[in-house]
Amino acid sequence: MIRLITANVFRFIFLVLFQVFFLPNLSLYNIAVPYIYVMFIILLPVNLDNFWIFLLSFLIGLSIDAFSNTIGLHTAACVLMAFCRIGILAIMIPKGGEFFPEPTIRNYGFRWFFTYSAILVVIHHVFLLNIEYFRISEFLMATYKAIISSAYTLTLIIISQYLFGSRKR
């Protein structure tokens, strides 16, 4: 349990700092912007209480908002993502068989992790970018940027899972 808490605290700090200081330089022509910090919410333990999921999602969104000078945009998107995560996990977690507390690519396999992550990342990005633009006339452009950014973010998440994921299954 202590290992899990320590790993998540380290992941929280690393992802916030990585998002704030490094990833703004990796945007592709200001169309695809990676938001890798959502990986923190994706990788929270499956059996974590809903209160902690919402609180941690709120805190990571607030941290990103504080550094990027956006007032509540990332916080709202993260809390929505946390809300959707609960329902998605209730549907997607295999019933019976072996249970793994961490939803990683090594524990549940590529197809399961890709589907789970893709749904959450698209929800986060579409909501975030449409709130950022907040105009009906910009809806299609914001959604286009959200889809492209989602693909970019998802690619980085999958690569990081293979590079830094735990070796045990």
N, C-alpha and C. Protein backbone atom coordinates (compact mmCIF):
# COMPACT_ATOMS: atom_id res chain seq x y z
N MET A 1 0.82 -1.20 0.00
CA MET A 1 0.00 0.00 0.00
C MET A 1 0.86 1.26 0.00
N ILE A 2 1.92 1.25 0.80
CA ILE A 2 2.83 2.39 0.86
C ILE A 2 3.50 2.58 -0.50
N ARG A 3 3.85 1.48 -1.16
CA ARG A 3 4.49 1.56 -2.47
C ARG A 3 3.54 2.21 -3.48
N LEU A 4 2.28 1.86 -3.41
CA LEU A 4 1.28 2.40 -4.32
C LEU A 4 1.08 3.90 -4.11
N ILE A 5 1.04 4.32 -2.85
CA ILE A 5 0.89 5.74 -2.54
C ILE A 5 2.11 6.51 -2.98
N THR A 6 3.30 5.98 -2.70
CA THR A 6 4.54 6.65 -3.10
C THR A 6 4.63 6.75 -4.62
N ALA A 7 4.28 5.70 -5.32
CA ALA A 7 4.33 5.72 -6.78
C ALA A 7 3.37 6.76 -7.35
N ASN A 8 2.17 6.88 -6.77
CA ASN A 8 1.21 7.85 -7.27
C ASN A 8 1.59 9.29 -6.93
N VAL A 9 2.20 9.51 -5.77
CA VAL A 9 2.69 10.85 -5.43
C VAL A 9 3.80 11.26 -6.39
N PHE A 10 4.73 10.35 -6.64
CA PHE A 10 5.81 10.63 -7.59
C PHE A 10 5.25 10.87 -8.99
N ARG A 11 4.29 10.05 -9.41
CA ARG A 11 3.68 10.19 -10.73
C ARG A 11 2.98 11.54 -10.86
N PHE A 12 2.27 11.96 -9.81
CA PHE A 12 1.58 13.24 -9.80
C PHE A 12 2.57 14.39 -10.01
N ILE A 13 3.62 14.42 -9.20
CA ILE A 13 4.61 15.49 -9.29
C ILE A 13 5.31 15.48 -10.63
N PHE A 14 5.73 14.30 -11.08
CA PHE A 14 6.46 14.20 -12.35
C PHE A 14 5.59 14.65 -13.52
N LEU A 15 4.34 14.19 -13.57
CA LEU A 15 3.48 14.52 -14.71
C LEU A 15 3.13 16.01 -14.74
N VAL A 16 2.91 16.61 -13.59
CA VAL A 16 2.63 18.05 -13.56
C VAL A 16 3.85 18.83 -14.05
N LEU A 17 5.02 18.51 -13.54
CA LEU A 17 6.22 19.22 -13.95
C LEU A 17 6.54 18.96 -15.42
N PHE A 18 6.38 17.75 -15.88
CA PHE A 18 6.63 17.40 -17.27
C PHE A 18 5.66 18.14 -18.20
N GLN A 19 4.39 18.20 -17.80
CA GLN A 19 3.38 18.89 -18.59
C GLN A 19 3.66 20.39 -18.67
N VAL A 20 4.03 20.97 -17.56
CA VAL A 20 4.19 22.42 -17.50
C VAL A 20 5.49 22.89 -18.15
N PHE A 21 6.57 22.18 -17.93
CA PHE A 21 7.87 22.69 -18.38
C PHE A 21 8.38 22.09 -19.69
N PHE A 22 7.94 20.91 -20.06
CA PHE A 22 8.50 20.26 -21.24
C PHE A 22 7.52 20.16 -22.40
N LEU A 23 6.29 19.76 -22.14
CA LEU A 23 5.34 19.47 -23.22
C LEU A 23 4.85 20.68 -24.00
N PRO A 24 4.84 21.89 -23.47
CA PRO A 24 4.46 23.01 -24.34
C PRO A 24 5.37 23.16 -25.56
N ASN A 25 6.59 22.69 -25.45
CA ASN A 25 7.52 22.76 -26.58
C ASN A 25 7.29 21.65 -27.60
N LEU A 26 6.46 20.67 -27.29
CA LEU A 26 6.21 19.55 -28.19
C LEU A 26 4.89 19.65 -28.95
N SER A 27 4.24 20.78 -28.91
CA SER A 27 2.99 20.90 -29.66
C SER A 27 3.30 20.93 -31.15
N LEU A 28 2.44 20.30 -31.92
CA LEU A 28 2.63 20.21 -33.36
C LEU A 28 1.84 21.30 -34.06
N TYR A 29 2.51 22.37 -34.44
CA TYR A 29 1.92 23.48 -35.18
C TYR A 29 0.69 24.06 -34.49
N ASN A 30 0.67 24.01 -33.21
CA ASN A 30 -0.42 24.52 -32.38
C ASN A 30 -1.77 23.85 -32.71
N ILE A 31 -1.71 22.69 -33.33
CA ILE A 31 -2.92 21.92 -33.60
C ILE A 31 -3.02 20.77 -32.62
N ALA A 32 -1.94 20.02 -32.47
CA ALA A 32 -1.90 18.88 -31.56
C ALA A 32 -1.08 19.25 -30.34
N VAL A 33 -1.75 19.35 -29.21
CA VAL A 33 -1.09 19.67 -27.95
C VAL A 33 -1.25 18.46 -27.03
N PRO A 34 -0.14 17.86 -26.60
CA PRO A 34 -0.27 16.69 -25.72
C PRO A 34 -0.58 17.10 -24.28
N TYR A 35 -1.55 16.44 -23.70
CA TYR A 35 -1.88 16.63 -22.29
C TYR A 35 -1.63 15.30 -21.58
N ILE A 36 -0.37 15.01 -21.34
CA ILE A 36 0.03 13.71 -20.80
C ILE A 36 -0.36 13.56 -19.32
N TYR A 37 -0.65 14.67 -18.64
CA TYR A 37 -0.99 14.59 -17.22
C TYR A 37 -2.25 13.78 -16.97
N VAL A 38 -3.09 13.58 -17.99
CA VAL A 38 -4.29 12.77 -17.81
C VAL A 38 -3.96 11.32 -17.50
N MET A 39 -2.71 10.93 -17.79
CA MET A 39 -2.28 9.58 -17.48
C MET A 39 -2.37 9.30 -15.99
N PHE A 40 -2.23 10.33 -15.16
CA PHE A 40 -2.36 10.15 -13.72
C PHE A 40 -3.75 9.62 -13.36
N ILE A 41 -4.77 10.20 -13.95
CA ILE A 41 -6.14 9.77 -13.66
C ILE A 41 -6.39 8.38 -14.25
N ILE A 42 -5.87 8.14 -15.42
CA ILE A 42 -6.04 6.85 -16.08
C ILE A 42 -5.43 5.72 -15.24
N LEU A 43 -4.27 5.98 -14.63
CA LEU A 43 -3.55 4.94 -13.91
C LEU A 43 -3.88 4.84 -12.42
N LEU A 44 -4.83 5.62 -11.94
CA LEU A 44 -5.23 5.47 -10.54
C LEU A 44 -5.76 4.06 -10.31
N PRO A 45 -5.54 3.51 -9.12
CA PRO A 45 -5.99 2.14 -8.85
C PRO A 45 -7.50 1.95 -9.08
N VAL A 46 -7.85 0.80 -9.57
CA VAL A 46 -9.23 0.48 -9.89
C VAL A 46 -10.11 0.49 -8.65
N ASN A 47 -9.60 -0.01 -7.54
CA ASN A 47 -10.41 -0.13 -6.32
C ASN A 47 -10.31 1.10 -5.41
N LEU A 48 -9.82 2.23 -5.92
CA LEU A 48 -9.73 3.46 -5.13
C LEU A 48 -11.13 4.04 -4.94
N ASP A 49 -11.38 4.56 -3.74
CA ASP A 49 -12.67 5.14 -3.41
C ASP A 49 -12.97 6.34 -4.31
N ASN A 50 -14.23 6.52 -4.67
CA ASN A 50 -14.62 7.61 -5.57
C ASN A 50 -14.23 8.99 -5.04
N PHE A 51 -14.30 9.19 -3.73
CA PHE A 51 -13.91 10.47 -3.15
C PHE A 51 -12.47 10.81 -3.52
N TRP A 52 -11.58 9.84 -3.40
CA TRP A 52 -10.17 10.08 -3.70
C TRP A 52 -9.94 10.29 -5.20
N ILE A 53 -10.69 9.61 -6.01
CA ILE A 53 -10.58 9.80 -7.46
C ILE A 53 -10.94 11.24 -7.82
N PHE A 54 -12.06 11.71 -7.29
CA PHE A 54 -12.47 13.09 -7.58
C PHE A 54 -11.50 14.11 -7.00
N LEU A 55 -11.05 13.87 -5.77
CA LEU A 55 -10.13 14.81 -5.13
C LEU A 55 -8.80 14.89 -5.88
N LEU A 56 -8.23 13.74 -6.23
CA LEU A 56 -6.96 13.73 -6.94
C LEU A 56 -7.09 14.30 -8.35
N SER A 57 -8.19 14.04 -9.00
CA SER A 57 -8.43 14.62 -10.33
C SER A 57 -8.56 16.14 -10.23
N PHE A 58 -9.27 16.59 -9.21
CA PHE A 58 -9.40 18.03 -8.98
C PHE A 58 -8.03 18.65 -8.72
N LEU A 59 -7.21 18.01 -7.92
CA LEU A 59 -5.90 18.56 -7.58
C LEU A 59 -4.94 18.60 -8.77
N ILE A 60 -4.95 17.58 -9.60
CA ILE A 60 -4.05 17.62 -10.76
C ILE A 60 -4.53 18.66 -11.77
N GLY A 61 -5.83 18.78 -11.95
CA GLY A 61 -6.35 19.82 -12.83
C GLY A 61 -6.05 21.21 -12.31
N LEU A 62 -6.20 21.40 -11.01
CA LEU A 62 -5.90 22.68 -10.39
C LEU A 62 -4.42 23.03 -10.51
N SER A 63 -3.57 22.03 -10.37
CA SER A 63 -2.13 22.26 -10.51
C SER A 63 -1.77 22.72 -11.92
N ILE A 64 -2.34 22.07 -12.90
CA ILE A 64 -2.08 22.47 -14.29
C ILE A 64 -2.65 23.86 -14.55
N ASP A 65 -3.83 24.13 -14.04
CA ASP A 65 -4.42 25.46 -14.20
C ASP A 65 -3.56 26.55 -13.55
N ALA A 66 -3.01 26.25 -12.40
CA ALA A 66 -2.19 27.24 -11.70
C ALA A 66 -0.93 27.58 -12.50
N PHE A 67 -0.33 26.60 -13.11
CA PHE A 67 0.90 26.84 -13.88
C PHE A 67 0.62 27.42 -15.26
N SER A 68 -0.49 27.06 -15.88
CA SER A 68 -0.74 27.51 -17.24
C SER A 68 -1.69 28.69 -17.32
N ASN A 69 -2.08 29.25 -16.18
CA ASN A 69 -2.89 30.45 -16.12
C ASN A 69 -4.24 30.29 -16.83
N THR A 70 -4.81 29.12 -16.71
CA THR A 70 -6.16 28.88 -17.20
C THR A 70 -7.03 28.67 -15.97
N ILE A 71 -8.09 29.40 -15.90
CA ILE A 71 -8.89 29.42 -14.68
C ILE A 71 -9.94 28.31 -14.72
N GLY A 72 -9.61 27.16 -14.17
CA GLY A 72 -10.57 26.07 -14.01
C GLY A 72 -10.82 25.20 -15.22
N LEU A 73 -10.19 25.46 -16.35
CA LEU A 73 -10.45 24.65 -17.55
C LEU A 73 -9.98 23.22 -17.36
N HIS A 74 -8.74 23.05 -16.95
CA HIS A 74 -8.20 21.70 -16.76
C HIS A 74 -8.85 21.01 -15.57
N THR A 75 -9.20 21.78 -14.56
CA THR A 75 -9.87 21.21 -13.38
C THR A 75 -11.22 20.62 -13.77
N ALA A 76 -12.00 21.37 -14.52
CA ALA A 76 -13.31 20.88 -14.94
C ALA A 76 -13.18 19.65 -15.83
N ALA A 77 -12.23 19.68 -16.76
CA ALA A 77 -12.04 18.53 -17.65
C ALA A 77 -11.58 17.30 -16.89
N CYS A 78 -10.72 17.48 -15.90
CA CYS A 78 -10.24 16.35 -15.10
C CYS A 78 -11.34 15.74 -14.23
N VAL A 79 -12.18 16.59 -13.65
CA VAL A 79 -13.27 16.08 -12.82
C VAL A 79 -14.29 15.34 -13.69
N LEU A 80 -14.57 15.86 -14.89
CA LEU A 80 -15.44 15.13 -15.82
C LEU A 80 -14.83 13.79 -16.19
N MET A 81 -13.53 13.79 -16.45
CA MET A 81 -12.84 12.55 -16.79
C MET A 81 -12.93 11.54 -15.64
N ALA A 82 -12.78 12.01 -14.42
CA ALA A 82 -12.88 11.13 -13.25
C ALA A 82 -14.29 10.55 -13.13
N PHE A 83 -15.29 11.37 -13.39
CA PHE A 83 -16.67 10.91 -13.34
C PHE A 83 -16.91 9.81 -14.39
N CYS A 84 -16.43 10.03 -15.60
CA CYS A 84 -16.61 9.05 -16.67
C CYS A 84 -15.79 7.79 -16.41
N ARG A 85 -14.63 7.94 -15.78
CA ARG A 85 -13.75 6.80 -15.49
C ARG A 85 -14.47 5.76 -14.62
N ILE A 86 -15.24 6.23 -13.67
CA ILE A 86 -15.93 5.32 -12.76
C ILE A 86 -16.89 4.42 -13.54
N GLY A 87 -17.68 5.01 -14.42
CA GLY A 87 -18.62 4.22 -15.22
C GLY A 87 -17.93 3.32 -16.23
N ILE A 88 -16.89 3.83 -16.85
CA ILE A 88 -16.17 3.05 -17.86
C ILE A 88 -15.51 1.83 -17.22
N LEU A 89 -14.91 2.02 -16.06
CA LEU A 89 -14.29 0.88 -15.38
C LEU A 89 -15.34 -0.14 -14.94
N ALA A 90 -16.51 0.33 -14.52
CA ALA A 90 -17.57 -0.59 -14.11
C ALA A 90 -17.99 -1.48 -15.29
N ILE A 91 -17.93 -0.94 -16.49
CA ILE A 91 -18.29 -1.71 -17.68
C ILE A 91 -17.13 -2.57 -18.17
N MET A 92 -15.92 -2.03 -18.13
CA MET A 92 -14.79 -2.66 -18.81
C MET A 92 -13.99 -3.67 -17.98
N ILE A 93 -14.04 -3.57 -16.65
CA ILE A 93 -13.26 -4.50 -15.83
C ILE A 93 -13.83 -5.90 -16.01
N PRO A 94 -12.99 -6.85 -16.39
CA PRO A 94 -13.47 -8.22 -16.60
C PRO A 94 -14.05 -8.81 -15.30
N LYS A 95 -15.18 -9.43 -15.43
CA LYS A 95 -15.81 -10.08 -14.27
C LYS A 95 -15.24 -11.48 -14.12
N GLY A 96 -14.86 -11.83 -12.91
CA GLY A 96 -14.26 -13.13 -12.67
C GLY A 96 -12.82 -13.14 -13.15
N GLY A 97 -12.14 -14.17 -12.88
CA GLY A 97 -10.75 -14.26 -13.31
C GLY A 97 -9.83 -13.47 -12.39
N GLU A 98 -8.66 -13.14 -12.90
CA GLU A 98 -7.66 -12.44 -12.11
C GLU A 98 -7.96 -10.95 -12.06
N PHE A 99 -7.83 -10.34 -10.88
CA PHE A 99 -8.08 -8.91 -10.70
C PHE A 99 -6.76 -8.20 -10.47
N PHE A 100 -6.53 -7.12 -11.20
CA PHE A 100 -5.34 -6.30 -11.03
C PHE A 100 -5.78 -4.91 -10.59
N PRO A 101 -5.18 -4.40 -9.49
CA PRO A 101 -5.62 -3.09 -9.00
C PRO A 101 -5.19 -1.93 -9.88
N GLU A 102 -4.09 -2.06 -10.62
CA GLU A 102 -3.61 -0.96 -11.45
C GLU A 102 -4.00 -1.20 -12.91
N PRO A 103 -4.70 -0.26 -13.53
CA PRO A 103 -5.11 -0.44 -14.92
C PRO A 103 -3.98 -0.08 -15.89
N THR A 104 -3.02 -0.95 -16.02
CA THR A 104 -1.88 -0.70 -16.90
C THR A 104 -1.95 -1.61 -18.11
N ILE A 105 -1.13 -1.31 -19.09
CA ILE A 105 -1.10 -2.11 -20.32
C ILE A 105 -0.57 -3.51 -20.05
N ARG A 106 0.31 -3.64 -19.09
CA ARG A 106 0.88 -4.95 -18.76
C ARG A 106 -0.12 -5.83 -18.00
N ASN A 107 -0.98 -5.22 -17.22
CA ASN A 107 -1.95 -5.99 -16.44
C ASN A 107 -3.16 -6.43 -17.27
N TYR A 108 -3.66 -5.54 -18.11
CA TYR A 108 -4.92 -5.82 -18.81
C TYR A 108 -4.76 -6.03 -20.31
N GLY A 109 -3.58 -5.82 -20.85
CA GLY A 109 -3.37 -6.03 -22.27
C GLY A 109 -3.54 -4.76 -23.09
N PHE A 110 -3.00 -4.80 -24.30
CA PHE A 110 -2.99 -3.61 -25.15
C PHE A 110 -4.39 -3.17 -25.55
N ARG A 111 -5.21 -4.10 -26.04
CA ARG A 111 -6.52 -3.72 -26.54
C ARG A 111 -7.38 -3.11 -25.44
N TRP A 112 -7.41 -3.72 -24.27
CA TRP A 112 -8.20 -3.20 -23.16
C TRP A 112 -7.70 -1.81 -22.75
N PHE A 113 -6.39 -1.68 -22.57
CA PHE A 113 -5.83 -0.41 -22.13
C PHE A 113 -6.02 0.68 -23.17
N PHE A 114 -5.85 0.33 -24.44
CA PHE A 114 -6.02 1.32 -25.51
C PHE A 114 -7.46 1.83 -25.53
N THR A 115 -8.42 0.93 -25.45
CA THR A 115 -9.83 1.32 -25.48
C THR A 115 -10.17 2.19 -24.27
N TYR A 116 -9.77 1.74 -23.10
CA TYR A 116 -10.02 2.47 -21.85
C TYR A 116 -9.40 3.86 -21.90
N SER A 117 -8.14 3.94 -22.29
CA SER A 117 -7.44 5.22 -22.34
C SER A 117 -8.01 6.13 -23.42
N ALA A 118 -8.29 5.56 -24.59
CA ALA A 118 -8.80 6.38 -25.70
C ALA A 118 -10.12 7.04 -25.34
N ILE A 119 -11.01 6.30 -24.72
CA ILE A 119 -12.31 6.87 -24.34
C ILE A 119 -12.11 8.04 -23.38
N LEU A 120 -11.29 7.83 -22.35
CA LEU A 120 -11.08 8.88 -21.36
C LEU A 120 -10.34 10.09 -21.93
N VAL A 121 -9.34 9.84 -22.75
CA VAL A 121 -8.57 10.95 -23.33
C VAL A 121 -9.43 11.77 -24.28
N VAL A 122 -10.24 11.12 -25.10
CA VAL A 122 -11.12 11.86 -26.02
C VAL A 122 -12.14 12.68 -25.24
N ILE A 123 -12.73 12.11 -24.21
CA ILE A 123 -13.69 12.87 -23.37
C ILE A 123 -13.00 14.10 -22.79
N HIS A 124 -11.83 13.92 -22.23
CA HIS A 124 -11.09 15.04 -21.62
C HIS A 124 -10.78 16.12 -22.65
N HIS A 125 -10.22 15.72 -23.78
CA HIS A 125 -9.76 16.70 -24.77
C HIS A 125 -10.92 17.44 -25.45
N VAL A 126 -11.96 16.71 -25.80
CA VAL A 126 -13.11 17.37 -26.45
C VAL A 126 -13.73 18.38 -25.50
N PHE A 127 -13.91 18.00 -24.25
CA PHE A 127 -14.48 18.92 -23.27
C PHE A 127 -13.56 20.11 -23.04
N LEU A 128 -12.27 19.86 -22.83
CA LEU A 128 -11.32 20.93 -22.55
C LEU A 128 -11.23 21.94 -23.69
N LEU A 129 -11.07 21.46 -24.90
CA LEU A 129 -10.88 22.38 -26.02
C LEU A 129 -12.18 23.09 -26.41
N ASN A 130 -13.32 22.45 -26.24
CA ASN A 130 -14.57 23.15 -26.54
C ASN A 130 -14.89 24.19 -25.47
N ILE A 131 -14.51 23.95 -24.25
CA ILE A 131 -14.68 24.98 -23.22
C ILE A 131 -13.69 26.13 -23.45
N GLU A 132 -12.49 25.79 -23.88
CA GLU A 132 -11.49 26.81 -24.14
C GLU A 132 -11.94 27.76 -25.26
N TYR A 133 -12.47 27.22 -26.34
CA TYR A 133 -12.94 28.06 -27.45
C TYR A 133 -14.29 28.69 -27.13
N PHE A 134 -15.20 27.90 -26.59
CA PHE A 134 -16.52 28.33 -26.08
C PHE A 134 -17.31 29.18 -27.08
N ARG A 135 -17.29 28.78 -28.32
CA ARG A 135 -18.11 29.41 -29.35
C ARG A 135 -18.69 28.30 -30.23
N ILE A 136 -19.94 28.44 -30.58
CA ILE A 136 -20.56 27.47 -31.48
C ILE A 136 -19.86 27.49 -32.83
N SER A 137 -19.46 28.66 -33.28
CA SER A 137 -18.80 28.77 -34.58
C SER A 137 -17.44 28.07 -34.61
N GLU A 138 -16.84 27.86 -33.46
CA GLU A 138 -15.53 27.20 -33.36
C GLU A 138 -15.63 25.74 -32.95
N PHE A 139 -16.85 25.20 -32.86
CA PHE A 139 -17.03 23.84 -32.38
C PHE A 139 -16.30 22.81 -33.23
N LEU A 140 -16.43 22.91 -34.54
CA LEU A 140 -15.78 21.93 -35.41
C LEU A 140 -14.26 22.02 -35.34
N MET A 141 -13.73 23.24 -35.31
CA MET A 141 -12.28 23.40 -35.21
C MET A 141 -11.77 22.88 -33.86
N ALA A 142 -12.48 23.17 -32.78
CA ALA A 142 -12.07 22.70 -31.46
C ALA A 142 -12.14 21.18 -31.38
N THR A 143 -13.17 20.60 -31.96
CA THR A 143 -13.30 19.14 -31.94
C THR A 143 -12.22 18.49 -32.81
N TYR A 144 -11.90 19.09 -33.94
CA TYR A 144 -10.81 18.60 -34.79
C TYR A 144 -9.49 18.62 -34.03
N LYS A 145 -9.20 19.74 -33.36
CA LYS A 145 -7.96 19.84 -32.58
C LYS A 145 -7.97 18.84 -31.42
N ALA A 146 -9.15 18.62 -30.84
CA ALA A 146 -9.25 17.67 -29.73
C ALA A 146 -8.96 16.25 -30.19
N ILE A 147 -9.45 15.87 -31.35
CA ILE A 147 -9.21 14.52 -31.86
C ILE A 147 -7.73 14.33 -32.20
N ILE A 148 -7.13 15.31 -32.85
CA ILE A 148 -5.71 15.23 -33.19
C ILE A 148 -4.86 15.21 -31.92
N SER A 149 -5.19 16.06 -30.95
CA SER A 149 -4.46 16.09 -29.68
C SER A 149 -4.66 14.80 -28.91
N SER A 150 -5.84 14.21 -28.99
CA SER A 150 -6.11 12.94 -28.32
C SER A 150 -5.22 11.84 -28.88
N ALA A 151 -5.11 11.80 -30.20
CA ALA A 151 -4.25 10.78 -30.82
C ALA A 151 -2.79 10.97 -30.40
N TYR A 152 -2.34 12.21 -30.35
CA TYR A 152 -0.97 12.53 -29.94
C TYR A 152 -0.75 12.13 -28.48
N THR A 153 -1.67 12.52 -27.62
CA THR A 153 -1.57 12.19 -26.19
C THR A 153 -1.61 10.69 -25.98
N LEU A 154 -2.52 10.02 -26.66
CA LEU A 154 -2.66 8.57 -26.51
C LEU A 154 -1.40 7.85 -26.98
N THR A 155 -0.78 8.33 -28.03
CA THR A 155 0.48 7.75 -28.50
C THR A 155 1.56 7.88 -27.43
N LEU A 156 1.65 9.05 -26.81
CA LEU A 156 2.65 9.27 -25.75
C LEU A 156 2.36 8.39 -24.53
N ILE A 157 1.08 8.22 -24.19
CA ILE A 157 0.72 7.38 -23.05
C ILE A 157 1.09 5.92 -23.31
N ILE A 158 0.80 5.42 -24.50
CA ILE A 158 1.12 4.04 -24.85
C ILE A 158 2.64 3.84 -24.83
N ILE A 159 3.38 4.77 -25.41
CA ILE A 159 4.85 4.67 -25.41
C ILE A 159 5.38 4.68 -23.99
N SER A 160 4.85 5.55 -23.15
CA SER A 160 5.32 5.60 -21.76
C SER A 160 4.98 4.33 -21.00
N GLN A 161 3.86 3.69 -21.33
CA GLN A 161 3.50 2.43 -20.68
C GLN A 161 4.52 1.34 -21.03
N TYR A 162 4.95 1.32 -22.27
CA TYR A 162 5.93 0.32 -22.66
C TYR A 162 7.33 0.64 -22.12
N LEU A 163 7.66 1.92 -22.01
CA LEU A 163 8.99 2.30 -21.53
C LEU A 163 9.12 2.24 -20.01
N PHE A 164 8.09 2.75 -19.31
CA PHE A 164 8.20 2.90 -17.87
C PHE A 164 7.24 2.05 -17.06
N GLY A 165 6.41 1.24 -17.70
CA GLY A 165 5.46 0.41 -16.99
C GLY A 165 6.17 -0.65 -16.16
N SER A 166 5.48 -1.12 -15.13
CA SER A 166 6.07 -2.15 -14.27
C SER A 166 6.25 -3.43 -15.07
N ARG A 167 7.25 -4.18 -14.72
CA ARG A 167 7.59 -5.40 -15.44
C ARG A 167 6.74 -6.60 -15.01
N LYS A 168 6.13 -6.51 -13.82
CA LYS A 168 5.38 -7.65 -13.30
C LYS A 168 3.96 -7.63 -13.84
N ARG A 169 3.41 -8.81 -13.99
CA ARG A 169 1.99 -8.93 -14.31
C ARG A 169 1.32 -9.69 -13.22
